[in-house]
Amino acid sequence: MHETGRRTSRRTYLKRLGAVTAVASTAGCVGGLGGGGSGSMTIVPGTAPGFPPFETKQGGEIVGFDIDLLSAVVSNTDYELESWKDFEFSSLTPALKNDKIDVIAAAMTINEKRDESIDFTNPYYSADQAVLVRQGASSPPSNFAGLAGRTVGVQEGTTGASVVEKQLVKPGKIAQSKFNTYGNYVLAVEDLVNRNLDAVVLDTPVARTFVDRRAVTIAATYETGEKYGFGVRTDADDLTKALNDGLEQVRNGGKYEEIRDEWFAGGGTGGNASAGNGTGGNASAGATSNESTTSSS
């Protein structure tokens, strides 16, 4: 359980807003007054550590690009962030839909499949997929198709999992027994280094972080053009708008570049995701990032 008590849901709160002043009693959903009102609106953010440099744990504290970016975005709104809640990535959308958290900040790709169950802010980052292998590996794959017949690791519910399953496992190019899923990419890379895997498929910026930290290298990339957005409930239009406005202010004021440069060597390569309508980006279902193939569940 990630709640300490009972709390009025966002949906119920909105219905009551015109009649009474709602008071939030525990962590787990939006409460108070916002939109320029005098009260405090608190939101509970959720993430999935183990996806550096976007979100990871250092000394028990959740840190990363997503953490700093959302904090900066929210500071430009009438909302306030409560303590972060961490989940496995595949559990984030259920947690959002069940009012345990109010916003997902976890390098989550915007796609049509997810859009059926949750909403997104405008995109804030773009990325592709990478094939990670051990340093000095013999005959590393030169492209994505070169993974055929190899033992491959992915994080459960991610694009890596979706792409490998769709393009390699289902067509029979990789045996199901050689398709290994993990709770996070830290565990997958550990198995790669320990020679239990031939390759790991993951987002390019995350792959680069592991290259800096472990004896691994990028053998190939797979262009997906996926875009990340903050996930919100479908009944939280006011929160979505506030986050979009806050994101625009962070971009225009130079804070975005400051945060990006802190977490990505050389400033990263995905910071120019265009601010669209937050409903699709350029990612297709089955070729996206921290992505679930079943609407993040």
Protein backbone atom coordinates (compact mmCIF):
# COMPACT_ATOMS: atom_id res chain seq x y z
CA MET A 1 0.00 0.00 0.00
CA HIS A 2 1.23 3.50 -0.78
CA GLU A 3 -1.47 5.38 1.07
CA THR A 4 -1.59 6.13 4.76
CA GLY A 5 -5.32 6.60 4.96
CA ARG A 6 -8.50 7.33 3.14
CA ARG A 7 -8.66 10.25 0.74
CA THR A 8 -11.22 11.95 -1.47
CA SER A 9 -10.48 11.05 -5.08
CA ARG A 10 -9.81 13.71 -7.69
CA ARG A 11 -13.00 12.78 -9.54
CA THR A 12 -15.17 13.06 -6.41
CA TYR A 13 -13.44 16.28 -5.40
CA LEU A 14 -14.23 17.98 -8.68
CA LYS A 15 -17.88 17.06 -8.35
CA ARG A 16 -18.02 18.62 -4.91
CA LEU A 17 -16.04 21.72 -5.74
CA GLY A 18 -19.03 23.90 -6.53
CA ALA A 19 -20.81 23.01 -3.31
CA VAL A 20 -18.23 22.70 -0.57
CA THR A 21 -14.57 23.23 0.15
CA ALA A 22 -12.86 19.86 -0.10
CA VAL A 23 -10.07 18.99 2.29
CA ALA A 24 -7.50 16.36 1.37
CA SER A 25 -6.76 14.05 4.26
CA THR A 26 -3.93 11.76 3.03
CA ALA A 27 -1.37 11.35 0.29
CA GLY A 28 -2.44 9.80 -2.96
CA CYS A 29 -4.44 12.29 -5.04
CA VAL A 30 -4.86 15.95 -5.83
CA GLY A 31 -6.42 18.05 -3.10
CA GLY A 32 -7.09 21.65 -2.11
CA LEU A 33 -7.74 24.59 -4.42
CA GLY A 34 -5.69 25.55 -7.44
CA GLY A 35 -5.93 27.46 -10.68
CA GLY A 36 -5.04 30.71 -8.97
CA GLY A 37 -7.02 29.97 -5.82
CA SER A 38 -5.71 30.75 -2.37
CA GLY A 39 -5.51 27.14 -1.18
CA SER A 40 -2.71 24.64 -1.69
CA MET A 41 -2.98 21.91 -4.33
CA THR A 42 -0.66 19.02 -3.65
CA ILE A 43 0.13 16.28 -6.14
CA VAL A 44 1.81 12.94 -5.54
CA PRO A 45 4.41 12.05 -8.19
CA GLY A 46 5.27 8.49 -9.13
CA THR A 47 8.32 7.09 -10.89
CA ALA A 48 10.27 3.87 -11.53
CA PRO A 49 13.91 4.07 -10.37
CA GLY A 50 16.45 1.99 -12.25
CA PHE A 51 16.30 4.04 -15.46
CA PRO A 52 19.30 6.38 -15.15
CA PRO A 53 19.79 9.24 -15.76
CA PHE A 54 16.02 9.83 -15.81
CA GLU A 55 15.30 8.25 -12.44
CA THR A 56 17.51 6.30 -10.10
CA LYS A 57 18.25 5.94 -6.39
CA GLN A 58 21.32 7.39 -4.71
CA GLY A 59 21.71 6.78 -1.01
CA GLY A 60 18.04 5.88 -0.76
CA GLU A 61 16.95 9.12 -2.45
CA ILE A 62 15.19 9.18 -5.82
CA VAL A 63 17.08 11.50 -8.17
CA GLY A 64 17.36 12.11 -11.90
CA PHE A 65 16.42 14.24 -14.88
CA ASP A 66 12.70 13.51 -14.58
CA ILE A 67 12.75 14.29 -10.88
CA ASP A 68 14.40 17.67 -11.31
CA LEU A 69 12.37 18.55 -14.39
CA LEU A 70 8.99 17.84 -12.81
CA SER A 71 10.01 19.76 -9.70
CA ALA A 72 10.95 22.76 -11.84
CA VAL A 73 7.73 22.50 -13.86
CA VAL A 74 5.52 22.29 -10.77
CA SER A 75 7.30 25.26 -9.18
CA ASN A 76 5.80 27.35 -12.00
CA THR A 77 2.23 26.27 -11.13
CA ASP A 78 -0.16 26.61 -8.19
CA TYR A 79 0.55 22.99 -7.24
CA GLU A 80 3.03 21.57 -4.77
CA LEU A 81 4.76 18.18 -4.94
CA GLU A 82 4.40 15.68 -2.12
CA SER A 83 6.90 12.87 -1.54
CA TRP A 84 7.81 10.67 -4.48
CA LYS A 85 6.36 7.16 -4.73
CA ASP A 86 8.36 4.50 -6.53
CA PHE A 87 6.98 1.49 -8.40
CA GLU A 88 8.06 -0.98 -11.02
CA PHE A 89 7.39 0.68 -14.34
CA SER A 90 4.54 -1.64 -15.30
CA SER A 91 2.69 -0.67 -12.09
CA LEU A 92 2.76 3.09 -12.65
CA THR A 93 -0.35 3.44 -14.81
CA PRO A 94 -2.50 1.28 -12.48
CA ALA A 95 -1.25 3.40 -9.56
CA LEU A 96 -2.25 6.55 -11.43
CA LYS A 97 -5.68 5.24 -12.37
CA ASN A 98 -6.29 4.06 -8.79
CA ASP A 99 -5.48 7.52 -7.36
CA LYS A 100 -2.33 6.38 -5.57
CA ILE A 101 -0.35 8.98 -7.50
CA ASP A 102 -1.32 12.05 -9.53
CA VAL A 103 1.43 12.27 -12.14
CA ILE A 104 3.88 9.83 -13.72
CA ALA A 105 7.41 11.07 -14.35
CA ALA A 106 9.26 8.04 -15.68
CA ALA A 107 10.50 8.60 -19.24
CA MET A 108 7.11 7.31 -20.36
CA THR A 109 6.55 7.34 -24.10
CA ILE A 110 3.43 8.92 -25.51
CA ASN A 111 1.57 6.48 -27.76
CA GLU A 112 -1.92 5.63 -28.92
CA LYS A 113 -2.19 2.55 -26.70
CA ARG A 114 -1.54 4.51 -23.54
CA ASP A 115 -3.72 7.37 -24.69
CA GLU A 116 -6.69 5.04 -24.38
CA SER A 117 -6.35 4.97 -20.60
CA ILE A 118 -4.38 8.04 -19.47
CA ASP A 119 -3.52 11.53 -20.70
CA PHE A 120 -0.13 13.08 -21.31
CA THR A 121 1.43 16.48 -21.12
CA ASN A 122 3.26 17.90 -24.09
CA PRO A 123 6.45 15.94 -24.81
CA TYR A 124 9.64 16.93 -23.01
CA TYR A 125 12.24 14.50 -24.43
CA SER A 126 12.79 12.31 -27.48
CA ALA A 127 14.86 9.13 -27.86
CA ASP A 128 15.55 6.00 -29.89
CA GLN A 129 16.45 2.43 -28.91
CA ALA A 130 19.95 0.98 -28.52
CA VAL A 131 21.48 -2.49 -28.48
CA LEU A 132 23.87 -2.80 -25.55
CA VAL A 133 26.56 -5.53 -25.50
CA ARG A 134 29.63 -6.33 -23.39
CA GLN A 135 32.87 -4.59 -24.20
CA GLY A 136 35.00 -6.87 -26.33
CA ALA A 137 32.07 -9.11 -27.27
CA SER A 138 32.83 -11.32 -30.27
CA SER A 139 30.65 -10.75 -33.35
CA PRO A 140 28.36 -8.09 -31.84
CA PRO A 141 25.20 -7.33 -33.85
CA SER A 142 25.67 -4.49 -36.31
CA ASN A 143 21.94 -3.75 -36.42
CA PHE A 144 18.70 -4.68 -34.71
CA ALA A 145 18.11 -7.68 -37.00
CA GLY A 146 21.47 -9.03 -35.87
CA LEU A 147 19.91 -9.95 -32.52
CA ALA A 148 18.31 -13.01 -34.14
CA GLY A 149 19.26 -16.19 -32.29
CA ARG A 150 20.81 -14.34 -29.35
CA THR A 151 19.80 -14.13 -25.70
CA VAL A 152 18.32 -10.69 -25.12
CA GLY A 153 17.28 -8.83 -21.98
CA VAL A 154 14.73 -6.04 -21.59
CA GLN A 155 12.85 -4.27 -18.82
CA GLU A 156 9.30 -5.50 -18.44
CA GLY A 157 6.73 -3.12 -19.89
CA THR A 158 9.23 -1.06 -21.87
CA THR A 159 9.69 -0.33 -25.51
CA GLY A 160 12.68 -2.56 -25.60
CA ALA A 161 10.39 -5.40 -24.56
CA SER A 162 7.71 -4.37 -27.03
CA VAL A 163 10.04 -4.05 -30.02
CA VAL A 164 11.98 -7.25 -29.36
CA GLU A 165 8.82 -9.27 -28.80
CA LYS A 166 7.05 -7.90 -31.86
CA GLN A 167 9.92 -8.01 -34.33
CA LEU A 168 12.05 -10.90 -33.11
CA VAL A 169 10.22 -13.22 -30.71
CA LYS A 170 6.84 -13.51 -32.41
CA PRO A 171 8.37 -14.10 -35.89
CA GLY A 172 10.51 -16.86 -34.34
CA LYS A 173 13.85 -15.09 -34.79
CA ILE A 174 14.51 -15.31 -31.05
CA ALA A 175 13.26 -18.25 -28.98
CA GLN A 176 10.95 -17.35 -26.10
CA SER A 177 13.45 -19.00 -23.76
CA LYS A 178 16.08 -16.47 -24.89
CA PHE A 179 13.83 -13.48 -24.27
CA ASN A 180 14.48 -12.34 -20.69
CA THR A 181 12.49 -9.63 -18.88
CA TYR A 182 13.58 -7.78 -15.74
CA GLY A 183 12.02 -5.47 -13.18
CA ASN A 184 14.52 -2.77 -14.16
CA TYR A 185 17.44 -2.25 -16.50
CA VAL A 186 20.02 -2.28 -13.71
CA LEU A 187 19.34 -6.00 -13.27
CA ALA A 188 19.38 -6.62 -17.02
CA VAL A 189 22.75 -4.92 -17.48
CA GLU A 190 24.13 -6.84 -14.51
CA ASP A 191 23.21 -10.10 -16.24
CA LEU A 192 24.76 -8.80 -19.46
CA VAL A 193 28.06 -8.06 -17.73
CA ASN A 194 27.93 -11.49 -16.06
CA ARG A 195 27.54 -13.15 -19.49
CA ASN A 196 24.01 -14.39 -18.90
CA LEU A 197 22.81 -12.27 -21.83
CA ASP A 198 24.17 -11.42 -25.26
CA ALA A 199 22.49 -8.02 -25.45
CA VAL A 200 20.10 -5.60 -23.77
CA VAL A 201 17.69 -3.38 -25.73
CA LEU A 202 16.90 -0.04 -24.10
CA ASP A 203 16.57 3.70 -24.66
CA THR A 204 19.65 5.38 -26.12
CA PRO A 205 20.19 7.97 -23.34
CA VAL A 206 19.93 5.26 -20.70
CA ALA A 207 22.28 3.04 -22.69
CA ARG A 208 24.86 5.84 -22.75
CA THR A 209 24.66 6.12 -18.98
CA PHE A 210 25.41 2.42 -18.59
CA VAL A 211 28.32 2.74 -21.05
CA ASP A 212 29.83 5.33 -18.70
CA ARG A 213 29.35 3.11 -15.65
CA ARG A 214 29.82 -0.50 -16.76
CA ALA A 215 31.96 -2.55 -19.15
CA VAL A 216 29.38 -2.36 -21.93
CA THR A 217 29.08 -0.60 -25.27
CA ILE A 218 26.40 0.31 -27.81
CA ALA A 219 26.59 -2.03 -30.80
CA ALA A 220 23.66 -0.63 -32.78
CA THR A 221 20.75 1.78 -32.59
CA TYR A 222 17.16 1.48 -33.72
CA GLU A 223 15.38 4.69 -34.68
CA THR A 224 11.96 5.09 -33.08
CA GLY A 225 11.62 8.86 -32.62
CA GLU A 226 9.68 8.26 -29.43
CA LYS A 227 8.68 11.14 -27.18
CA TYR A 228 8.30 11.20 -23.41
CA GLY A 229 5.53 12.99 -21.53
CA PHE A 230 4.27 13.23 -17.96
CA GLY A 231 1.28 10.93 -17.45
CA VAL A 232 -1.91 12.21 -15.79
CA ARG A 233 -5.43 10.93 -15.23
CA THR A 234 -8.01 11.57 -17.93
CA ASP A 235 -10.17 13.60 -15.53
CA ALA A 236 -7.35 15.98 -14.57
CA ASP A 237 -7.50 18.50 -17.42
CA ASP A 238 -6.63 21.40 -15.12
CA LEU A 239 -3.51 19.63 -13.89
CA THR A 240 -2.48 18.74 -17.44
CA LYS A 241 -2.84 22.36 -18.52
CA ALA A 242 -0.89 23.61 -15.52
CA LEU A 243 1.95 21.18 -16.21
CA ASN A 244 2.04 22.17 -19.89
CA ASP A 245 2.18 25.84 -18.93
CA GLY A 246 4.90 25.12 -16.38
CA LEU A 247 6.90 23.11 -18.91
CA GLU A 248 6.75 25.98 -21.38
CA GLN A 249 8.04 28.38 -18.74
CA VAL A 250 10.88 26.02 -17.86
CA ARG A 251 11.87 25.80 -21.52
CA ASN A 252 11.61 29.52 -22.21
CA GLY A 253 13.47 30.49 -19.05
CA GLY A 254 16.51 28.30 -19.70
CA LYS A 255 15.94 25.98 -16.73
CA TYR A 256 15.31 23.02 -19.03
CA GLU A 257 18.80 23.27 -20.56
CA GLU A 258 20.31 23.65 -17.10
CA ILE A 259 18.69 20.43 -15.87
CA ARG A 260 19.47 18.59 -19.11
CA ASP A 261 23.14 19.56 -19.02
CA GLU A 262 23.41 18.38 -15.42
CA TRP A 263 22.15 14.88 -16.21
CA PHE A 264 23.36 14.26 -19.76
CA ALA A 265 26.98 14.46 -20.88
CA GLY A 266 27.29 16.96 -23.70
CA GLY A 267 23.76 18.20 -23.11
CA GLY A 268 22.09 15.01 -24.31
CA THR A 269 20.47 14.52 -27.69
CA GLY A 270 16.79 14.36 -26.94
CA GLY A 271 15.98 17.68 -25.36
CA ASN A 272 14.30 19.14 -28.42
CA ALA A 273 11.07 17.16 -28.36
CA SER A 274 8.53 19.53 -29.79
CA ALA A 275 5.68 20.77 -27.64
CA GLY A 276 2.70 19.17 -29.31
CA ASN A 277 -0.76 18.43 -28.03
CA GLY A 278 0.38 15.74 -25.63
CA THR A 279 -1.62 13.01 -27.30
CA GLY A 280 0.71 11.09 -29.48
CA GLY A 281 4.17 12.32 -30.36
CA ASN A 282 5.82 10.36 -33.14
CA ALA A 283 5.95 7.06 -31.31
CA SER A 284 3.95 4.10 -32.43
CA ALA A 285 2.71 1.36 -30.15
CA GLY A 286 5.36 -1.32 -30.16
CA ALA A 287 8.24 1.06 -30.84
CA THR A 288 8.49 3.32 -27.83
CA SER A 289 10.50 3.88 -24.65
CA ASN A 290 9.71 3.15 -21.01
CA GLU A 291 6.61 1.66 -22.62
CA SER A 292 4.07 -0.97 -21.66
CA THR A 293 2.52 -3.05 -24.38
CA THR A 294 -0.71 -3.21 -22.41
CA SER A 295 -1.30 0.41 -21.49
CA SER A 296 1.38 0.32 -18.77
CA SER A 297 -0.21 -2.51 -16.86
